Amino acid sequence: MIILSFSSIKETEELAGQLASKLDGGEVIFLEGELGAGKTLFVKFLAKHLGVSETVKSPTFVLFQKYEGEKLGIYHFDLYRLEDQLKKKSITMEEIGISEALNDTSGVVVIEWADLLGENGCESKIGSYLQIRFNIKDYQKREVEIIGKGEKYIGLMESLKNKL
């Protein structure tokens, strides 16, 4: 596990840039944290460093957006609105579009509010991923925890540790 303390937006961008430089396509990134913790901002910076020229917006109302980048594309999911359906197990990864995105190795799958997947057993279907948890410490300070789940992502986390 890596634990970082951030006091500026620039540090969030640096983390996103370091991560983007290590992605090859097919990776899965879980983003967790309360509202306003910096998840969507992180995705915007990640997209920028992957060469996405479009403006990245929170896909809360459409569930996901796909962006094409010069280096890699991004499937950006936001599960916030699906909390009830995921708890009731009345929606599947296929219905959300995650299963299809996981099969596209030309992009990176980024899931905001990924902790909600555990409600439905979906997390275990994905298996391995990089988990980034944003914790608000105060108005400007964030603590960021990075955890690799699975051999590939433990290696990715370790390579990030050496750069941060």
N, C-alpha and C. Protein backbone atom coordinates (compact mmCIF):
# COMPACT_ATOMS: atom_id res chain seq x y z
N MET A 1 0.85 -1.18 0.00
CA MET A 1 0.00 0.00 0.00
C MET A 1 0.89 1.24 0.00
N ILE A 2 0.46 2.25 -0.74
CA ILE A 2 1.11 3.55 -0.75
C ILE A 2 0.13 4.54 -0.13
N ILE A 3 0.60 5.38 0.76
CA ILE A 3 -0.23 6.45 1.32
C ILE A 3 0.48 7.77 1.03
N LEU A 4 -0.25 8.66 0.36
CA LEU A 4 0.29 9.96 -0.01
C LEU A 4 -0.57 11.06 0.60
N SER A 5 0.04 12.17 0.93
CA SER A 5 -0.69 13.35 1.39
C SER A 5 -0.58 14.42 0.33
N PHE A 6 -1.71 14.95 -0.09
CA PHE A 6 -1.75 15.99 -1.11
C PHE A 6 -2.30 17.27 -0.51
N SER A 7 -1.69 18.38 -0.89
CA SER A 7 -2.23 19.68 -0.47
C SER A 7 -2.44 20.59 -1.67
N SER A 8 -2.30 20.04 -2.88
CA SER A 8 -2.53 20.86 -4.07
C SER A 8 -3.07 20.01 -5.22
N ILE A 9 -3.75 20.67 -6.12
CA ILE A 9 -4.25 20.01 -7.33
C ILE A 9 -3.08 19.52 -8.17
N LYS A 10 -1.98 20.24 -8.16
CA LYS A 10 -0.79 19.86 -8.92
C LYS A 10 -0.30 18.46 -8.52
N GLU A 11 -0.39 18.13 -7.25
CA GLU A 11 0.04 16.80 -6.80
C GLU A 11 -0.89 15.71 -7.33
N THR A 12 -2.16 16.01 -7.44
CA THR A 12 -3.11 15.06 -8.02
C THR A 12 -2.75 14.83 -9.49
N GLU A 13 -2.42 15.91 -10.19
CA GLU A 13 -2.04 15.77 -11.59
C GLU A 13 -0.74 14.98 -11.73
N GLU A 14 0.21 15.20 -10.84
CA GLU A 14 1.47 14.45 -10.90
C GLU A 14 1.24 12.95 -10.73
N LEU A 15 0.37 12.58 -9.79
CA LEU A 15 0.04 11.16 -9.61
C LEU A 15 -0.60 10.60 -10.87
N ALA A 16 -1.55 11.33 -11.44
CA ALA A 16 -2.22 10.87 -12.66
C ALA A 16 -1.22 10.73 -13.80
N GLY A 17 -0.30 11.66 -13.92
CA GLY A 17 0.71 11.60 -14.97
C GLY A 17 1.64 10.42 -14.81
N GLN A 18 2.07 10.17 -13.57
CA GLN A 18 2.93 9.01 -13.31
C GLN A 18 2.21 7.71 -13.64
N LEU A 19 0.96 7.62 -13.24
CA LEU A 19 0.19 6.42 -13.53
C LEU A 19 -0.01 6.26 -15.03
N ALA A 20 -0.38 7.33 -15.72
CA ALA A 20 -0.61 7.26 -17.17
C ALA A 20 0.62 6.74 -17.90
N SER A 21 1.80 7.11 -17.44
CA SER A 21 3.03 6.69 -18.12
C SER A 21 3.28 5.19 -17.98
N LYS A 22 2.60 4.54 -17.06
CA LYS A 22 2.81 3.12 -16.81
C LYS A 22 1.70 2.22 -17.37
N LEU A 23 0.69 2.81 -17.97
CA LEU A 23 -0.45 2.04 -18.48
C LEU A 23 -0.22 1.59 -19.91
N ASP A 24 -0.63 0.34 -20.18
CA ASP A 24 -0.48 -0.24 -21.52
C ASP A 24 -1.82 -0.52 -22.20
N GLY A 25 -2.89 -0.47 -21.46
CA GLY A 25 -4.21 -0.82 -21.98
C GLY A 25 -4.71 -2.08 -21.31
N GLY A 26 -5.98 -2.09 -21.03
CA GLY A 26 -6.59 -3.24 -20.37
C GLY A 26 -6.58 -3.15 -18.85
N GLU A 27 -6.00 -2.10 -18.30
CA GLU A 27 -5.96 -1.96 -16.84
C GLU A 27 -7.32 -1.53 -16.30
N VAL A 28 -7.54 -1.87 -15.03
CA VAL A 28 -8.77 -1.52 -14.33
C VAL A 28 -8.37 -0.73 -13.09
N ILE A 29 -8.97 0.45 -12.94
CA ILE A 29 -8.66 1.32 -11.81
C ILE A 29 -9.95 1.62 -11.06
N PHE A 30 -9.97 1.27 -9.79
CA PHE A 30 -11.10 1.56 -8.91
C PHE A 30 -10.81 2.86 -8.18
N LEU A 31 -11.73 3.80 -8.23
CA LEU A 31 -11.60 5.05 -7.48
C LEU A 31 -12.67 5.08 -6.41
N GLU A 32 -12.25 5.40 -5.19
CA GLU A 32 -13.17 5.43 -4.07
C GLU A 32 -12.94 6.70 -3.26
N GLY A 33 -13.96 7.11 -2.55
CA GLY A 33 -13.87 8.30 -1.71
C GLY A 33 -15.20 9.04 -1.73
N GLU A 34 -15.37 9.88 -0.73
CA GLU A 34 -16.63 10.60 -0.62
C GLU A 34 -16.78 11.66 -1.71
N LEU A 35 -17.96 12.24 -1.81
CA LEU A 35 -18.21 13.33 -2.76
C LEU A 35 -17.21 14.45 -2.53
N GLY A 36 -16.63 14.95 -3.60
CA GLY A 36 -15.70 16.07 -3.51
C GLY A 36 -14.29 15.70 -3.11
N ALA A 37 -13.99 14.41 -3.06
CA ALA A 37 -12.65 13.98 -2.63
C ALA A 37 -11.60 14.10 -3.72
N GLY A 38 -12.01 14.17 -4.99
CA GLY A 38 -11.05 14.35 -6.08
C GLY A 38 -11.02 13.24 -7.11
N LYS A 39 -12.01 12.36 -7.10
CA LYS A 39 -12.02 11.24 -8.04
C LYS A 39 -12.14 11.71 -9.49
N THR A 40 -13.11 12.55 -9.78
CA THR A 40 -13.31 13.01 -11.15
C THR A 40 -12.15 13.89 -11.61
N LEU A 41 -11.63 14.71 -10.73
CA LEU A 41 -10.46 15.53 -11.07
C LEU A 41 -9.29 14.63 -11.46
N PHE A 42 -9.09 13.56 -10.72
CA PHE A 42 -8.03 12.61 -11.04
C PHE A 42 -8.24 12.02 -12.44
N VAL A 43 -9.48 11.65 -12.77
CA VAL A 43 -9.78 11.08 -14.09
C VAL A 43 -9.48 12.10 -15.18
N LYS A 44 -9.82 13.36 -14.95
CA LYS A 44 -9.53 14.41 -15.94
C LYS A 44 -8.03 14.50 -16.21
N PHE A 45 -7.23 14.45 -15.16
CA PHE A 45 -5.77 14.51 -15.33
C PHE A 45 -5.23 13.24 -15.98
N LEU A 46 -5.77 12.09 -15.61
CA LEU A 46 -5.35 10.83 -16.22
C LEU A 46 -5.62 10.87 -17.73
N ALA A 47 -6.82 11.32 -18.08
CA ALA A 47 -7.18 11.43 -19.50
C ALA A 47 -6.25 12.38 -20.23
N LYS A 48 -5.97 13.50 -19.63
CA LYS A 48 -5.05 14.48 -20.24
C LYS A 48 -3.71 13.83 -20.55
N HIS A 49 -3.19 13.06 -19.59
CA HIS A 49 -1.87 12.43 -19.78
C HIS A 49 -1.91 11.22 -20.69
N LEU A 50 -3.10 10.73 -21.01
CA LEU A 50 -3.24 9.67 -22.00
C LEU A 50 -3.53 10.23 -23.39
N GLY A 51 -3.56 11.55 -23.48
CA GLY A 51 -3.76 12.20 -24.77
C GLY A 51 -5.20 12.41 -25.18
N VAL A 52 -6.11 12.41 -24.23
CA VAL A 52 -7.52 12.69 -24.52
C VAL A 52 -7.68 14.20 -24.68
N SER A 53 -8.22 14.63 -25.80
CA SER A 53 -8.39 16.06 -26.03
C SER A 53 -9.77 16.57 -25.63
N GLU A 54 -10.74 15.67 -25.50
CA GLU A 54 -12.10 16.06 -25.09
C GLU A 54 -12.11 16.50 -23.63
N THR A 55 -13.11 17.29 -23.28
CA THR A 55 -13.30 17.65 -21.88
C THR A 55 -13.95 16.47 -21.17
N VAL A 56 -13.30 16.00 -20.13
CA VAL A 56 -13.82 14.87 -19.36
C VAL A 56 -14.80 15.40 -18.31
N LYS A 57 -15.99 14.82 -18.32
CA LYS A 57 -17.03 15.22 -17.37
C LYS A 57 -17.44 14.00 -16.56
N SER A 58 -18.00 14.23 -15.41
CA SER A 58 -18.49 13.12 -14.61
C SER A 58 -19.65 12.47 -15.37
N PRO A 59 -19.59 11.15 -15.55
CA PRO A 59 -20.66 10.47 -16.30
C PRO A 59 -21.83 10.06 -15.43
N THR A 60 -22.06 10.75 -14.34
CA THR A 60 -23.09 10.35 -13.38
C THR A 60 -24.44 10.07 -14.03
N PHE A 61 -24.85 10.86 -14.99
CA PHE A 61 -26.19 10.69 -15.55
C PHE A 61 -26.25 9.74 -16.74
N VAL A 62 -25.10 9.36 -17.29
CA VAL A 62 -25.10 8.42 -18.41
C VAL A 62 -24.38 7.13 -18.07
N LEU A 63 -23.95 6.98 -16.85
CA LEU A 63 -23.24 5.82 -16.31
C LEU A 63 -21.79 5.71 -16.77
N PHE A 64 -21.54 5.90 -18.07
CA PHE A 64 -20.14 5.89 -18.48
C PHE A 64 -19.94 6.70 -19.75
N GLN A 65 -18.71 7.13 -19.91
CA GLN A 65 -18.27 7.83 -21.12
C GLN A 65 -17.03 7.12 -21.62
N LYS A 66 -16.88 7.07 -22.92
CA LYS A 66 -15.65 6.54 -23.51
C LYS A 66 -14.94 7.69 -24.21
N TYR A 67 -13.66 7.82 -23.92
CA TYR A 67 -12.84 8.87 -24.51
C TYR A 67 -11.68 8.21 -25.25
N GLU A 68 -11.39 8.72 -26.43
CA GLU A 68 -10.24 8.24 -27.20
C GLU A 68 -9.05 9.14 -26.91
N GLY A 69 -7.90 8.53 -26.66
CA GLY A 69 -6.69 9.29 -26.41
C GLY A 69 -5.60 8.92 -27.39
N GLU A 70 -4.58 9.74 -27.48
CA GLU A 70 -3.46 9.45 -28.37
C GLU A 70 -2.72 8.19 -27.92
N LYS A 71 -2.56 8.03 -26.60
CA LYS A 71 -1.89 6.83 -26.08
C LYS A 71 -2.88 5.71 -25.85
N LEU A 72 -3.92 5.98 -25.08
CA LEU A 72 -4.96 4.99 -24.74
C LEU A 72 -6.30 5.69 -24.56
N GLY A 73 -7.35 4.94 -24.74
CA GLY A 73 -8.67 5.46 -24.44
C GLY A 73 -9.03 5.19 -22.99
N ILE A 74 -10.13 5.79 -22.55
CA ILE A 74 -10.60 5.59 -21.19
C ILE A 74 -12.09 5.28 -21.22
N TYR A 75 -12.47 4.24 -20.50
CA TYR A 75 -13.87 3.98 -20.18
C TYR A 75 -14.06 4.54 -18.78
N HIS A 76 -14.83 5.58 -18.64
CA HIS A 76 -15.01 6.27 -17.35
C HIS A 76 -16.40 5.98 -16.83
N PHE A 77 -16.49 5.17 -15.79
CA PHE A 77 -17.76 4.80 -15.17
C PHE A 77 -17.94 5.56 -13.86
N ASP A 78 -19.19 5.88 -13.54
CA ASP A 78 -19.53 6.49 -12.26
C ASP A 78 -20.75 5.75 -11.74
N LEU A 79 -20.58 5.01 -10.66
CA LEU A 79 -21.64 4.14 -10.15
C LEU A 79 -22.49 4.79 -9.07
N TYR A 80 -22.26 6.06 -8.80
CA TYR A 80 -22.94 6.74 -7.69
C TYR A 80 -24.46 6.57 -7.73
N ARG A 81 -25.05 6.75 -8.90
CA ARG A 81 -26.52 6.66 -9.01
C ARG A 81 -27.04 5.24 -8.91
N LEU A 82 -26.16 4.25 -8.95
CA LEU A 82 -26.60 2.85 -8.97
C LEU A 82 -26.53 2.17 -7.61
N GLU A 83 -26.29 2.92 -6.56
CA GLU A 83 -26.10 2.32 -5.25
C GLU A 83 -27.26 1.40 -4.87
N ASP A 84 -28.49 1.85 -5.02
CA ASP A 84 -29.64 1.02 -4.64
C ASP A 84 -29.73 -0.25 -5.50
N GLN A 85 -29.56 -0.10 -6.81
CA GLN A 85 -29.64 -1.27 -7.69
C GLN A 85 -28.54 -2.28 -7.38
N LEU A 86 -27.34 -1.78 -7.08
CA LEU A 86 -26.24 -2.69 -6.76
C LEU A 86 -26.49 -3.39 -5.42
N LYS A 87 -27.03 -2.69 -4.46
CA LYS A 87 -27.34 -3.32 -3.17
C LYS A 87 -28.41 -4.39 -3.34
N LYS A 88 -29.40 -4.12 -4.19
CA LYS A 88 -30.49 -5.07 -4.41
C LYS A 88 -30.11 -6.15 -5.42
N LYS A 89 -28.93 -6.02 -6.00
CA LYS A 89 -28.45 -6.96 -7.04
C LYS A 89 -29.41 -7.00 -8.22
N SER A 90 -30.00 -5.85 -8.53
CA SER A 90 -30.97 -5.79 -9.63
C SER A 90 -30.35 -5.26 -10.91
N ILE A 91 -29.02 -5.12 -10.92
CA ILE A 91 -28.32 -4.68 -12.12
C ILE A 91 -27.01 -5.46 -12.23
N THR A 92 -26.61 -5.76 -13.45
CA THR A 92 -25.39 -6.57 -13.65
C THR A 92 -24.29 -5.73 -14.30
N MET A 93 -23.08 -6.27 -14.27
CA MET A 93 -21.96 -5.59 -14.93
C MET A 93 -22.22 -5.47 -16.43
N GLU A 94 -22.91 -6.45 -17.00
CA GLU A 94 -23.22 -6.40 -18.42
C GLU A 94 -24.16 -5.23 -18.72
N GLU A 95 -25.15 -5.04 -17.88
CA GLU A 95 -26.11 -3.95 -18.07
C GLU A 95 -25.46 -2.59 -17.91
N ILE A 96 -24.50 -2.50 -17.03
CA ILE A 96 -23.79 -1.24 -16.81
C ILE A 96 -22.83 -0.96 -17.97
N GLY A 97 -22.32 -2.00 -18.61
CA GLY A 97 -21.35 -1.86 -19.69
C GLY A 97 -19.93 -2.18 -19.28
N ILE A 98 -19.74 -2.55 -18.02
CA ILE A 98 -18.38 -2.83 -17.54
C ILE A 98 -17.80 -4.06 -18.21
N SER A 99 -18.57 -5.10 -18.38
CA SER A 99 -18.04 -6.34 -18.98
C SER A 99 -17.48 -6.09 -20.37
N GLU A 100 -18.19 -5.32 -21.17
CA GLU A 100 -17.72 -5.00 -22.52
C GLU A 100 -16.42 -4.20 -22.46
N ALA A 101 -16.38 -3.21 -21.56
CA ALA A 101 -15.19 -2.37 -21.44
C ALA A 101 -13.97 -3.20 -21.01
N LEU A 102 -14.18 -4.17 -20.14
CA LEU A 102 -13.07 -5.01 -19.67
C LEU A 102 -12.43 -5.81 -20.80
N ASN A 103 -13.16 -6.05 -21.87
CA ASN A 103 -12.64 -6.82 -23.00
C ASN A 103 -11.87 -5.96 -24.00
N ASP A 104 -11.88 -4.66 -23.83
CA ASP A 104 -11.21 -3.75 -24.76
C ASP A 104 -9.84 -3.38 -24.20
N THR A 105 -8.81 -3.99 -24.73
CA THR A 105 -7.45 -3.73 -24.22
C THR A 105 -6.82 -2.47 -24.81
N SER A 106 -7.57 -1.74 -25.63
CA SER A 106 -7.04 -0.49 -26.17
C SER A 106 -7.35 0.69 -25.26
N GLY A 107 -7.95 0.38 -24.13
CA GLY A 107 -8.31 1.45 -23.20
C GLY A 107 -8.12 1.01 -21.76
N VAL A 108 -8.35 1.95 -20.87
CA VAL A 108 -8.26 1.74 -19.44
C VAL A 108 -9.66 1.91 -18.86
N VAL A 109 -10.05 1.03 -17.97
CA VAL A 109 -11.36 1.11 -17.33
C VAL A 109 -11.17 1.79 -15.97
N VAL A 110 -11.84 2.93 -15.80
CA VAL A 110 -11.77 3.68 -14.55
C VAL A 110 -13.18 3.74 -13.97
N ILE A 111 -13.33 3.25 -12.73
CA ILE A 111 -14.65 3.15 -12.12
C ILE A 111 -14.70 3.98 -10.85
N GLU A 112 -15.46 5.10 -10.89
CA GLU A 112 -15.69 5.88 -9.68
C GLU A 112 -16.78 5.20 -8.86
N TRP A 113 -16.64 5.29 -7.55
CA TRP A 113 -17.54 4.65 -6.60
C TRP A 113 -17.48 3.13 -6.76
N ALA A 114 -16.30 2.63 -7.06
CA ALA A 114 -16.10 1.19 -7.29
C ALA A 114 -16.40 0.35 -6.07
N ASP A 115 -16.34 0.95 -4.88
CA ASP A 115 -16.66 0.21 -3.67
C ASP A 115 -18.08 -0.33 -3.71
N LEU A 116 -18.95 0.27 -4.50
CA LEU A 116 -20.32 -0.22 -4.63
C LEU A 116 -20.39 -1.55 -5.36
N LEU A 117 -19.36 -1.90 -6.12
CA LEU A 117 -19.37 -3.18 -6.83
C LEU A 117 -19.36 -4.35 -5.86
N GLY A 118 -18.77 -4.16 -4.70
CA GLY A 118 -18.73 -5.21 -3.71
C GLY A 118 -20.12 -5.62 -3.25
N GLU A 119 -21.07 -4.70 -3.34
CA GLU A 119 -22.45 -4.97 -2.95
C GLU A 119 -23.08 -6.06 -3.81
N ASN A 120 -22.57 -6.23 -4.99
CA ASN A 120 -23.20 -7.09 -5.99
C ASN A 120 -22.35 -8.31 -6.33
N GLY A 121 -21.18 -8.44 -5.73
CA GLY A 121 -20.29 -9.54 -6.08
C GLY A 121 -19.52 -9.27 -7.36
N CYS A 122 -19.73 -8.09 -7.98
CA CYS A 122 -19.04 -7.77 -9.23
C CYS A 122 -17.54 -7.63 -9.04
N GLU A 123 -17.14 -7.11 -7.89
CA GLU A 123 -15.72 -6.89 -7.63
C GLU A 123 -14.95 -8.19 -7.80
N SER A 124 -15.50 -9.28 -7.29
CA SER A 124 -14.80 -10.57 -7.40
C SER A 124 -14.76 -11.06 -8.84
N LYS A 125 -15.71 -10.67 -9.67
CA LYS A 125 -15.69 -11.05 -11.08
C LYS A 125 -14.58 -10.33 -11.83
N ILE A 126 -14.24 -9.12 -11.40
CA ILE A 126 -13.17 -8.37 -12.04
C ILE A 126 -11.82 -8.94 -11.61
N GLY A 127 -11.70 -9.30 -10.35
CA GLY A 127 -10.50 -9.97 -9.88
C GLY A 127 -9.38 -9.05 -9.47
N SER A 128 -8.59 -8.57 -10.43
CA SER A 128 -7.45 -7.74 -10.08
C SER A 128 -7.62 -6.34 -10.64
N TYR A 129 -7.08 -5.36 -9.88
CA TYR A 129 -7.25 -3.96 -10.24
C TYR A 129 -6.36 -3.11 -9.36
N LEU A 130 -6.24 -1.84 -9.72
CA LEU A 130 -5.56 -0.86 -8.89
C LEU A 130 -6.62 -0.05 -8.18
N GLN A 131 -6.56 0.00 -6.87
CA GLN A 131 -7.55 0.72 -6.07
C GLN A 131 -6.91 2.02 -5.57
N ILE A 132 -7.57 3.14 -5.84
CA ILE A 132 -7.10 4.43 -5.36
C ILE A 132 -8.22 5.04 -4.53
N ARG A 133 -7.95 5.26 -3.26
CA ARG A 133 -8.95 5.78 -2.34
C ARG A 133 -8.55 7.20 -1.93
N PHE A 134 -9.45 8.15 -2.15
CA PHE A 134 -9.24 9.56 -1.81
C PHE A 134 -9.96 9.86 -0.50
N ASN A 135 -9.23 10.35 0.48
CA ASN A 135 -9.80 10.71 1.77
C ASN A 135 -9.61 12.20 2.00
N ILE A 136 -10.69 12.89 2.36
CA ILE A 136 -10.61 14.32 2.63
C ILE A 136 -10.11 14.50 4.06
N LYS A 137 -9.03 15.26 4.21
CA LYS A 137 -8.50 15.58 5.53
C LYS A 137 -8.97 16.96 5.98
N ASP A 138 -8.99 17.90 5.08
CA ASP A 138 -9.60 19.21 5.30
C ASP A 138 -9.82 19.83 3.92
N TYR A 139 -10.18 21.11 3.89
CA TYR A 139 -10.58 21.76 2.64
C TYR A 139 -9.58 21.54 1.52
N GLN A 140 -8.28 21.64 1.79
CA GLN A 140 -7.28 21.51 0.74
C GLN A 140 -6.45 20.24 0.81
N LYS A 141 -6.53 19.50 1.87
CA LYS A 141 -5.66 18.33 2.04
C LYS A 141 -6.42 17.04 1.78
N ARG A 142 -5.74 16.15 1.06
CA ARG A 142 -6.27 14.83 0.77
C ARG A 142 -5.22 13.79 1.13
N GLU A 143 -5.69 12.65 1.57
CA GLU A 143 -4.81 11.51 1.73
C GLU A 143 -5.24 10.52 0.66
N VAL A 144 -4.27 9.99 -0.05
CA VAL A 144 -4.56 9.06 -1.13
C VAL A 144 -3.90 7.73 -0.82
N GLU A 145 -4.70 6.67 -0.82
CA GLU A 145 -4.20 5.31 -0.61
C GLU A 145 -4.24 4.58 -1.94
N ILE A 146 -3.15 3.91 -2.27
CA ILE A 146 -3.09 3.13 -3.51
C ILE A 146 -2.78 1.69 -3.13
N ILE A 147 -3.63 0.79 -3.61
CA ILE A 147 -3.48 -0.63 -3.29
C ILE A 147 -3.57 -1.42 -4.58
N GLY A 148 -2.63 -2.32 -4.79
CA GLY A 148 -2.66 -3.22 -5.93
C GLY A 148 -3.33 -4.52 -5.54
N LYS A 149 -4.34 -4.92 -6.29
CA LYS A 149 -5.03 -6.20 -6.06
C LYS A 149 -4.68 -7.11 -7.23
N GLY A 150 -3.87 -8.10 -6.98
CA GLY A 150 -3.40 -8.99 -8.03
C GLY A 150 -1.96 -8.65 -8.41
N GLU A 151 -1.25 -9.64 -8.89
CA GLU A 151 0.19 -9.52 -9.18
C GLU A 151 0.52 -8.34 -10.09
N LYS A 152 -0.21 -8.20 -11.18
CA LYS A 152 0.05 -7.11 -12.13
C LYS A 152 -0.06 -5.75 -11.43
N TYR A 153 -1.08 -5.59 -10.61
CA TYR A 153 -1.34 -4.29 -10.00
C TYR A 153 -0.47 -4.03 -8.78
N ILE A 154 0.00 -5.08 -8.14
CA ILE A 154 1.00 -4.90 -7.08
C ILE A 154 2.28 -4.37 -7.71
N GLY A 155 2.65 -4.94 -8.87
CA GLY A 155 3.83 -4.44 -9.59
C GLY A 155 3.65 -2.99 -10.04
N LEU A 156 2.49 -2.66 -10.52
CA LEU A 156 2.20 -1.29 -10.94
C LEU A 156 2.30 -0.34 -9.75
N MET A 157 1.74 -0.76 -8.62
CA MET A 157 1.80 0.06 -7.40
C MET A 157 3.26 0.26 -6.97
N GLU A 158 4.04 -0.79 -7.00
CA GLU A 158 5.45 -0.70 -6.61
C GLU A 158 6.22 0.23 -7.54
N SER A 159 5.92 0.18 -8.84
CA SER A 159 6.62 1.06 -9.78
C SER A 159 6.23 2.53 -9.54
N LEU A 160 4.98 2.74 -9.13
CA LEU A 160 4.54 4.10 -8.77
C LEU A 160 5.27 4.59 -7.51
N LYS A 161 5.41 3.68 -6.55
CA LYS A 161 6.04 4.03 -5.28
C LYS A 161 7.45 4.58 -5.52
N ASN A 162 8.14 4.01 -6.50
CA ASN A 162 9.50 4.44 -6.80
C ASN A 162 9.56 5.81 -7.46
N LYS A 163 8.43 6.28 -8.01
CA LYS A 163 8.39 7.57 -8.72
C LYS A 163 7.78 8.69 -7.90
N LEU A 164 7.08 8.36 -6.83
CA LEU A 164 6.37 9.38 -6.07
C LEU A 164 7.14 9.81 -4.83
